[in-house]
Amino acid sequence: SVSLNIGLTRIGEFAFKDCNHLESVIIPSSTQEIDTLAFGGCECLKSVTLNDALSSIGGYAFVDCTSLETIKIP
C-alpha cells in the first residue's frame, strides 16, 4: 500500500508505473489530477480510492492493472 501525502495536487506521468508490489492506493483529498500511465502496469494493485476533488484522470492511468478489483468513486 502507498499513503500519499495531503498537499499532493497531481500524480505525474509514469509516477508508479510497473510498481509491482503496490496493492492499494488512497488518493488524498488535495489531489486534483492523475496523469497518463500514472499506475500503468501495477499488476498487484487491487483497490483504488479516489476523492471528490479529482478533476481529471489521464489516459491509460490504470492500464494493465490486472488484479484491480475495486475503484471507489465518491
PDB file of N, CA and C in Angstrom:
ATOM      1  N   SER A   1       0.837  -1.191   0.000  1.00  0.00           N
ATOM      2  CA  SER A   1       0.000   0.000   0.000  1.00  0.00           C
ATOM      3  C   SER A   1       0.872   1.240   0.000  1.00  0.00           C
ATOM      4  N   VAL A   2       0.329   2.301  -0.539  1.00  0.00           N
ATOM      5  CA  VAL A   2       1.037   3.566  -0.522  1.00  0.00           C
ATOM      6  C   VAL A   2       0.119   4.603   0.105  1.00  0.00           C
ATOM      7  N   SER A   3       0.701   5.420   0.940  1.00  0.00           N
ATOM      8  CA  SER A   3      -0.040   6.518   1.551  1.00  0.00           C
ATOM      9  C   SER A   3       0.531   7.806   0.977  1.00  0.00           C
ATOM     10  N   LEU A   4      -0.276   8.484   0.181  1.00  0.00           N
ATOM     11  CA  LEU A   4       0.177   9.717  -0.453  1.00  0.00           C
ATOM     12  C   LEU A   4      -0.082  10.890   0.477  1.00  0.00           C
ATOM     13  N   ASN A   5       0.820  11.851   0.466  1.00  0.00           N
ATOM     14  CA  ASN A   5       0.722  12.990   1.369  1.00  0.00           C
ATOM     15  C   ASN A   5      -0.378  13.958   0.974  1.00  0.00           C
ATOM     16  N   ILE A   6      -1.065  14.470   1.981  1.00  0.00           N
ATOM     17  CA  ILE A   6      -2.022  15.547   1.748  1.00  0.00           C
ATOM     18  C   ILE A   6      -1.203  16.745   1.297  1.00  0.00           C
ATOM     19  N   GLY A   7      -1.700  17.465   0.337  1.00  0.00           N
ATOM     20  CA  GLY A   7      -0.957  18.568  -0.253  1.00  0.00           C
ATOM     21  C   GLY A   7      -0.521  18.237  -1.666  1.00  0.00           C
ATOM     22  N   LEU A   8      -0.505  16.945  -1.993  1.00  0.00           N
ATOM     23  CA  LEU A   8      -0.164  16.495  -3.329  1.00  0.00           C
ATOM     24  C   LEU A   8      -1.311  16.856  -4.269  1.00  0.00           C
ATOM     25  N   THR A   9      -1.050  17.695  -5.272  1.00  0.00           N
ATOM     26  CA  THR A   9      -2.122  18.126  -6.161  1.00  0.00           C
ATOM     27  C   THR A   9      -2.171  17.336  -7.466  1.00  0.00           C
ATOM     28  N   ARG A  10      -1.087  16.666  -7.810  1.00  0.00           N
ATOM     29  CA  ARG A  10      -1.028  15.959  -9.090  1.00  0.00           C
ATOM     30  C   ARG A  10      -0.126  14.737  -8.972  1.00  0.00           C
ATOM     31  N   ILE A  11      -0.567  13.634  -9.560  1.00  0.00           N
ATOM     32  CA  ILE A  11       0.273  12.439  -9.664  1.00  0.00           C
ATOM     33  C   ILE A  11       0.736  12.400 -11.112  1.00  0.00           C
ATOM     34  N   GLY A  12       2.018  12.582 -11.336  1.00  0.00           N
ATOM     35  CA  GLY A  12       2.582  12.745 -12.672  1.00  0.00           C
ATOM     36  C   GLY A  12       2.615  11.490 -13.512  1.00  0.00           C
ATOM     37  N   GLU A  13       2.907  11.700 -14.804  1.00  0.00           N
ATOM     38  CA  GLU A  13       3.031  10.589 -15.748  1.00  0.00           C
ATOM     39  C   GLU A  13       4.033   9.562 -15.246  1.00  0.00           C
ATOM     40  N   PHE A  14       3.667   8.298 -15.350  1.00  0.00           N
ATOM     41  CA  PHE A  14       4.538   7.174 -15.014  1.00  0.00           C
ATOM     42  C   PHE A  14       4.968   7.135 -13.543  1.00  0.00           C
ATOM     43  N   ALA A  15       4.305   7.898 -12.658  1.00  0.00           N
ATOM     44  CA  ALA A  15       4.740   8.014 -11.257  1.00  0.00           C
ATOM     45  C   ALA A  15       4.912   6.666 -10.563  1.00  0.00           C
ATOM     46  N   PHE A  16       3.987   5.756 -10.767  1.00  0.00           N
ATOM     47  CA  PHE A  16       4.060   4.434 -10.128  1.00  0.00           C
ATOM     48  C   PHE A  16       4.047   3.311 -11.165  1.00  0.00           C
ATOM     49  N   LYS A  17       4.364   3.619 -12.402  1.00  0.00           N
ATOM     50  CA  LYS A  17       4.300   2.623 -13.476  1.00  0.00           C
ATOM     51  C   LYS A  17       5.150   1.396 -13.142  1.00  0.00           C
ATOM     52  N   ASP A  18       4.543   0.240 -13.344  1.00  0.00           N
ATOM     53  CA  ASP A  18       5.198  -1.054 -13.124  1.00  0.00           C
ATOM     54  C   ASP A  18       5.658  -1.262 -11.684  1.00  0.00           C
ATOM     55  N   CYS A  19       5.014  -0.604 -10.748  1.00  0.00           N
ATOM     56  CA  CYS A  19       5.314  -0.803  -9.322  1.00  0.00           C
ATOM     57  C   CYS A  19       4.570  -2.075  -8.889  1.00  0.00           C
ATOM     58  N   ASN A  20       5.207  -3.197  -9.041  1.00  0.00           N
ATOM     59  CA  ASN A  20       4.537  -4.490  -8.923  1.00  0.00           C
ATOM     60  C   ASN A  20       4.191  -4.936  -7.510  1.00  0.00           C
ATOM     61  N   HIS A  21       4.609  -4.220  -6.490  1.00  0.00           N
ATOM     62  CA  HIS A  21       4.264  -4.610  -5.124  1.00  0.00           C
ATOM     63  C   HIS A  21       3.170  -3.732  -4.528  1.00  0.00           C
ATOM     64  N   LEU A  22       2.694  -2.775  -5.283  1.00  0.00           N
ATOM     65  CA  LEU A  22       1.653  -1.863  -4.837  1.00  0.00           C
ATOM     66  C   LEU A  22       0.307  -2.575  -4.877  1.00  0.00           C
ATOM     67  N   GLU A  23      -0.397  -2.642  -3.722  1.00  0.00           N
ATOM     68  CA  GLU A  23      -1.664  -3.360  -3.652  1.00  0.00           C
ATOM     69  C   GLU A  23      -2.874  -2.447  -3.509  1.00  0.00           C
ATOM     70  N   SER A  24      -2.710  -1.286  -2.881  1.00  0.00           N
ATOM     71  CA  SER A  24      -3.840  -0.369  -2.730  1.00  0.00           C
ATOM     72  C   SER A  24      -3.351   1.067  -2.671  1.00  0.00           C
ATOM     73  N   VAL A  25      -4.230   1.970  -3.124  1.00  0.00           N
ATOM     74  CA  VAL A  25      -3.902   3.390  -3.147  1.00  0.00           C
ATOM     75  C   VAL A  25      -5.119   4.176  -2.689  1.00  0.00           C
ATOM     76  N   ILE A  26      -4.893   5.142  -1.815  1.00  0.00           N
ATOM     77  CA  ILE A  26      -5.919   6.103  -1.430  1.00  0.00           C
ATOM     78  C   ILE A  26      -5.430   7.461  -1.905  1.00  0.00           C
ATOM     79  N   ILE A  27      -6.165   8.056  -2.839  1.00  0.00           N
ATOM     80  CA  ILE A  27      -5.794   9.352  -3.396  1.00  0.00           C
ATOM     81  C   ILE A  27      -6.249  10.430  -2.411  1.00  0.00           C
ATOM     82  N   PRO A  28      -5.331  11.259  -1.884  1.00  0.00           N
ATOM     83  CA  PRO A  28      -5.706  12.250  -0.876  1.00  0.00           C
ATOM     84  C   PRO A  28      -6.634  13.335  -1.435  1.00  0.00           C
ATOM     85  N   SER A  29      -7.329  13.997  -0.550  1.00  0.00           N
ATOM     86  CA  SER A  29      -8.326  15.000  -0.930  1.00  0.00           C
ATOM     87  C   SER A  29      -7.736  16.190  -1.675  1.00  0.00           C
ATOM     88  N   SER A  30      -6.450  16.429  -1.552  1.00  0.00           N
ATOM     89  CA  SER A  30      -5.812  17.556  -2.236  1.00  0.00           C
ATOM     90  C   SER A  30      -5.494  17.271  -3.705  1.00  0.00           C
ATOM     91  N   THR A  31      -5.495  16.002  -4.088  1.00  0.00           N
ATOM     92  CA  THR A  31      -5.097  15.623  -5.441  1.00  0.00           C
ATOM     93  C   THR A  31      -6.217  15.906  -6.439  1.00  0.00           C
ATOM     94  N   GLN A  32      -5.880  16.655  -7.486  1.00  0.00           N
ATOM     95  CA  GLN A  32      -6.858  17.039  -8.495  1.00  0.00           C
ATOM     96  C   GLN A  32      -6.641  16.330  -9.825  1.00  0.00           C
ATOM     97  N   GLU A  33      -5.438  15.828 -10.076  1.00  0.00           N
ATOM     98  CA  GLU A  33      -5.134  15.205 -11.371  1.00  0.00           C
ATOM     99  C   GLU A  33      -4.306  13.930 -11.201  1.00  0.00           C
ATOM    100  N   ILE A  34      -4.649  12.942 -12.014  1.00  0.00           N
ATOM    101  CA  ILE A  34      -3.832  11.741 -12.164  1.00  0.00           C
ATOM    102  C   ILE A  34      -3.455  11.697 -13.639  1.00  0.00           C
ATOM    103  N   ASP A  35      -2.169  11.747 -13.932  1.00  0.00           N
ATOM    104  CA  ASP A  35      -1.705  11.824 -15.313  1.00  0.00           C
ATOM    105  C   ASP A  35      -1.651  10.456 -16.005  1.00  0.00           C
ATOM    106  N   THR A  36      -1.379  10.498 -17.297  1.00  0.00           N
ATOM    107  CA  THR A  36      -1.274   9.323 -18.152  1.00  0.00           C
ATOM    108  C   THR A  36      -0.317   8.283 -17.574  1.00  0.00           C
ATOM    109  N   LEU A  37      -0.758   7.050 -17.566  1.00  0.00           N
ATOM    110  CA  LEU A  37       0.041   5.895 -17.134  1.00  0.00           C
ATOM    111  C   LEU A  37       0.589   6.014 -15.709  1.00  0.00           C
ATOM    112  N   ALA A  38      -0.046   6.814 -14.871  1.00  0.00           N
ATOM    113  CA  ALA A  38       0.455   7.018 -13.509  1.00  0.00           C
ATOM    114  C   ALA A  38       0.593   5.704 -12.735  1.00  0.00           C
ATOM    115  N   PHE A  39      -0.351   4.789 -12.932  1.00  0.00           N
ATOM    116  CA  PHE A  39      -0.312   3.495 -12.244  1.00  0.00           C
ATOM    117  C   PHE A  39      -0.273   2.337 -13.240  1.00  0.00           C
ATOM    118  N   GLY A  40       0.046   2.609 -14.485  1.00  0.00           N
ATOM    119  CA  GLY A  40       0.063   1.578 -15.521  1.00  0.00           C
ATOM    120  C   GLY A  40       1.000   0.432 -15.184  1.00  0.00           C
ATOM    121  N   GLY A  41       0.518  -0.771 -15.385  1.00  0.00           N
ATOM    122  CA  GLY A  41       1.348  -1.955 -15.177  1.00  0.00           C
ATOM    123  C   GLY A  41       1.528  -2.369 -13.729  1.00  0.00           C
ATOM    124  N   CYS A  42       0.771  -1.781 -12.824  1.00  0.00           N
ATOM    125  CA  CYS A  42       0.836  -2.190 -11.410  1.00  0.00           C
ATOM    126  C   CYS A  42       0.016  -3.468 -11.263  1.00  0.00           C
ATOM    127  N   GLU A  43       0.628  -4.583 -11.571  1.00  0.00           N
ATOM    128  CA  GLU A  43      -0.068  -5.862 -11.669  1.00  0.00           C
ATOM    129  C   GLU A  43      -0.680  -6.364 -10.371  1.00  0.00           C
ATOM    130  N   CYS A  44      -0.201  -5.902  -9.225  1.00  0.00           N
ATOM    131  CA  CYS A  44      -0.741  -6.355  -7.940  1.00  0.00           C
ATOM    132  C   CYS A  44      -1.741  -5.371  -7.336  1.00  0.00           C
ATOM    133  N   LEU A  45      -1.972  -4.253  -7.997  1.00  0.00           N
ATOM    134  CA  LEU A  45      -2.902  -3.243  -7.482  1.00  0.00           C
ATOM    135  C   LEU A  45      -4.317  -3.813  -7.461  1.00  0.00           C
ATOM    136  N   LYS A  46      -4.920  -3.859  -6.260  1.00  0.00           N
ATOM    137  CA  LYS A  46      -6.247  -4.441  -6.087  1.00  0.00           C
ATOM    138  C   LYS A  46      -7.330  -3.399  -5.851  1.00  0.00           C
ATOM    139  N   SER A  47      -6.989  -2.291  -5.163  1.00  0.00           N
ATOM    140  CA  SER A  47      -8.028  -1.309  -4.867  1.00  0.00           C
ATOM    141  C   SER A  47      -7.487   0.117  -4.940  1.00  0.00           C
ATOM    142  N   VAL A  48      -8.364   0.994  -5.414  1.00  0.00           N
ATOM    143  CA  VAL A  48      -8.055   2.415  -5.541  1.00  0.00           C
ATOM    144  C   VAL A  48      -9.233   3.184  -4.958  1.00  0.00           C
ATOM    145  N   THR A  49      -8.936   4.155  -4.111  1.00  0.00           N
ATOM    146  CA  THR A  49      -9.961   5.035  -3.578  1.00  0.00           C
ATOM    147  C   THR A  49      -9.678   6.438  -4.084  1.00  0.00           C
ATOM    148  N   LEU A  50     -10.612   6.970  -4.877  1.00  0.00           N
ATOM    149  CA  LEU A  50     -10.477   8.313  -5.435  1.00  0.00           C
ATOM    150  C   LEU A  50     -11.109   9.324  -4.474  1.00  0.00           C
ATOM    151  N   ASN A  51     -10.915  10.617  -4.759  1.00  0.00           N
ATOM    152  CA  ASN A  51     -11.508  11.658  -3.925  1.00  0.00           C
ATOM    153  C   ASN A  51     -12.454  12.512  -4.758  1.00  0.00           C
ATOM    154  N   ASP A  52     -13.251  13.341  -4.095  1.00  0.00           N
ATOM    155  CA  ASP A  52     -14.227  14.147  -4.828  1.00  0.00           C
ATOM    156  C   ASP A  52     -13.634  15.419  -5.428  1.00  0.00           C
ATOM    157  N   ALA A  53     -12.372  15.724  -5.160  1.00  0.00           N
ATOM    158  CA  ALA A  53     -11.710  16.900  -5.747  1.00  0.00           C
ATOM    159  C   ALA A  53     -11.046  16.576  -7.085  1.00  0.00           C
ATOM    160  N   LEU A  54     -10.983  15.301  -7.426  1.00  0.00           N
ATOM    161  CA  LEU A  54     -10.310  14.863  -8.651  1.00  0.00           C
ATOM    162  C   LEU A  54     -11.040  15.396  -9.881  1.00  0.00           C
ATOM    163  N   SER A  55     -10.312  16.132 -10.725  1.00  0.00           N
ATOM    164  CA  SER A  55     -10.940  16.717 -11.907  1.00  0.00           C
ATOM    165  C   SER A  55     -10.548  16.009 -13.201  1.00  0.00           C
ATOM    166  N   SER A  56      -9.419  15.280 -13.204  1.00  0.00           N
ATOM    167  CA  SER A  56      -9.059  14.556 -14.424  1.00  0.00           C
ATOM    168  C   SER A  56      -8.205  13.329 -14.120  1.00  0.00           C
ATOM    169  N   ILE A  57      -8.448  12.310 -14.935  1.00  0.00           N
ATOM    170  CA  ILE A  57      -7.654  11.082 -14.897  1.00  0.00           C
ATOM    171  C   ILE A  57      -7.149  10.875 -16.315  1.00  0.00           C
ATOM    172  N   GLY A  58      -5.844  10.862 -16.481  1.00  0.00           N
ATOM    173  CA  GLY A  58      -5.240  10.731 -17.800  1.00  0.00           C
ATOM    174  C   GLY A  58      -5.464   9.370 -18.425  1.00  0.00           C
ATOM    175  N   GLY A  59      -5.296   9.315 -19.730  1.00  0.00           N
ATOM    176  CA  GLY A  59      -5.453   8.075 -20.475  1.00  0.00           C
ATOM    177  C   GLY A  59      -4.529   6.987 -19.959  1.00  0.00           C
ATOM    178  N   TYR A  60      -5.059   5.808 -19.910  1.00  0.00           N
ATOM    179  CA  TYR A  60      -4.290   4.628 -19.514  1.00  0.00           C
ATOM    180  C   TYR A  60      -3.718   4.720 -18.104  1.00  0.00           C
ATOM    181  N   ALA A  61      -4.315   5.535 -17.258  1.00  0.00           N
ATOM    182  CA  ALA A  61      -3.804   5.711 -15.894  1.00  0.00           C
ATOM    183  C   ALA A  61      -3.718   4.393 -15.133  1.00  0.00           C
ATOM    184  N   PHE A  62      -4.624   3.472 -15.431  1.00  0.00           N
ATOM    185  CA  PHE A  62      -4.647   2.183 -14.728  1.00  0.00           C
ATOM    186  C   PHE A  62      -4.554   0.993 -15.699  1.00  0.00           C
ATOM    187  N   VAL A  63      -3.952   1.219 -16.862  1.00  0.00           N
ATOM    188  CA  VAL A  63      -3.837   0.153 -17.848  1.00  0.00           C
ATOM    189  C   VAL A  63      -2.961  -0.985 -17.319  1.00  0.00           C
ATOM    190  N   ASP A  64      -3.327  -2.197 -17.649  1.00  0.00           N
ATOM    191  CA  ASP A  64      -2.592  -3.402 -17.256  1.00  0.00           C
ATOM    192  C   ASP A  64      -2.504  -3.594 -15.751  1.00  0.00           C
ATOM    193  N   CYS A  65      -3.455  -3.063 -15.021  1.00  0.00           N
ATOM    194  CA  CYS A  65      -3.584  -3.348 -13.590  1.00  0.00           C
ATOM    195  C   CYS A  65      -4.482  -4.579 -13.492  1.00  0.00           C
ATOM    196  N   THR A  66      -3.908  -5.725 -13.781  1.00  0.00           N
ATOM    197  CA  THR A  66      -4.672  -6.946 -13.989  1.00  0.00           C
ATOM    198  C   THR A  66      -5.332  -7.517 -12.720  1.00  0.00           C
ATOM    199  N   SER A  67      -4.929  -7.062 -11.548  1.00  0.00           N
ATOM    200  CA  SER A  67      -5.533  -7.544 -10.300  1.00  0.00           C
ATOM    201  C   SER A  67      -6.561  -6.578  -9.727  1.00  0.00           C
ATOM    202  N   LEU A  68      -6.787  -5.468 -10.403  1.00  0.00           N
ATOM    203  CA  LEU A  68      -7.680  -4.422  -9.900  1.00  0.00           C
ATOM    204  C   LEU A  68      -9.103  -4.981  -9.730  1.00  0.00           C
ATOM    205  N   GLU A  69      -9.597  -4.900  -8.490  1.00  0.00           N
ATOM    206  CA  GLU A  69     -10.924  -5.414  -8.156  1.00  0.00           C
ATOM    207  C   GLU A  69     -11.913  -4.297  -7.864  1.00  0.00           C
ATOM    208  N   THR A  70     -11.461  -3.235  -7.194  1.00  0.00           N
ATOM    209  CA  THR A  70     -12.377  -2.149  -6.824  1.00  0.00           C
ATOM    210  C   THR A  70     -11.760  -0.788  -7.017  1.00  0.00           C
ATOM    211  N   ILE A  71     -12.601   0.128  -7.501  1.00  0.00           N
ATOM    212  CA  ILE A  71     -12.266   1.535  -7.541  1.00  0.00           C
ATOM    213  C   ILE A  71     -13.418   2.252  -6.862  1.00  0.00           C
ATOM    214  N   LYS A  72     -13.126   2.912  -5.750  1.00  0.00           N
ATOM    215  CA  LYS A  72     -14.159   3.656  -5.014  1.00  0.00           C
ATOM    216  C   LYS A  72     -14.208   5.075  -5.537  1.00  0.00           C
ATOM    217  N   ILE A  73     -15.367   5.435  -6.078  1.00  0.00           N
ATOM    218  CA  ILE A  73     -15.575   6.755  -6.651  1.00  0.00           C
ATOM    219  C   ILE A  73     -16.593   7.487  -5.769  1.00  0.00           C
ATOM    220  N   PRO A  74     -16.228   8.656  -5.247  1.00  0.00           N
ATOM    221  CA  PRO A  74     -17.174   9.368  -4.372  1.00  0.00           C
ATOM    222  C   PRO A  74     -18.386   9.894  -5.131  1.00  0.00           C
TER     223      PRO A  74
END
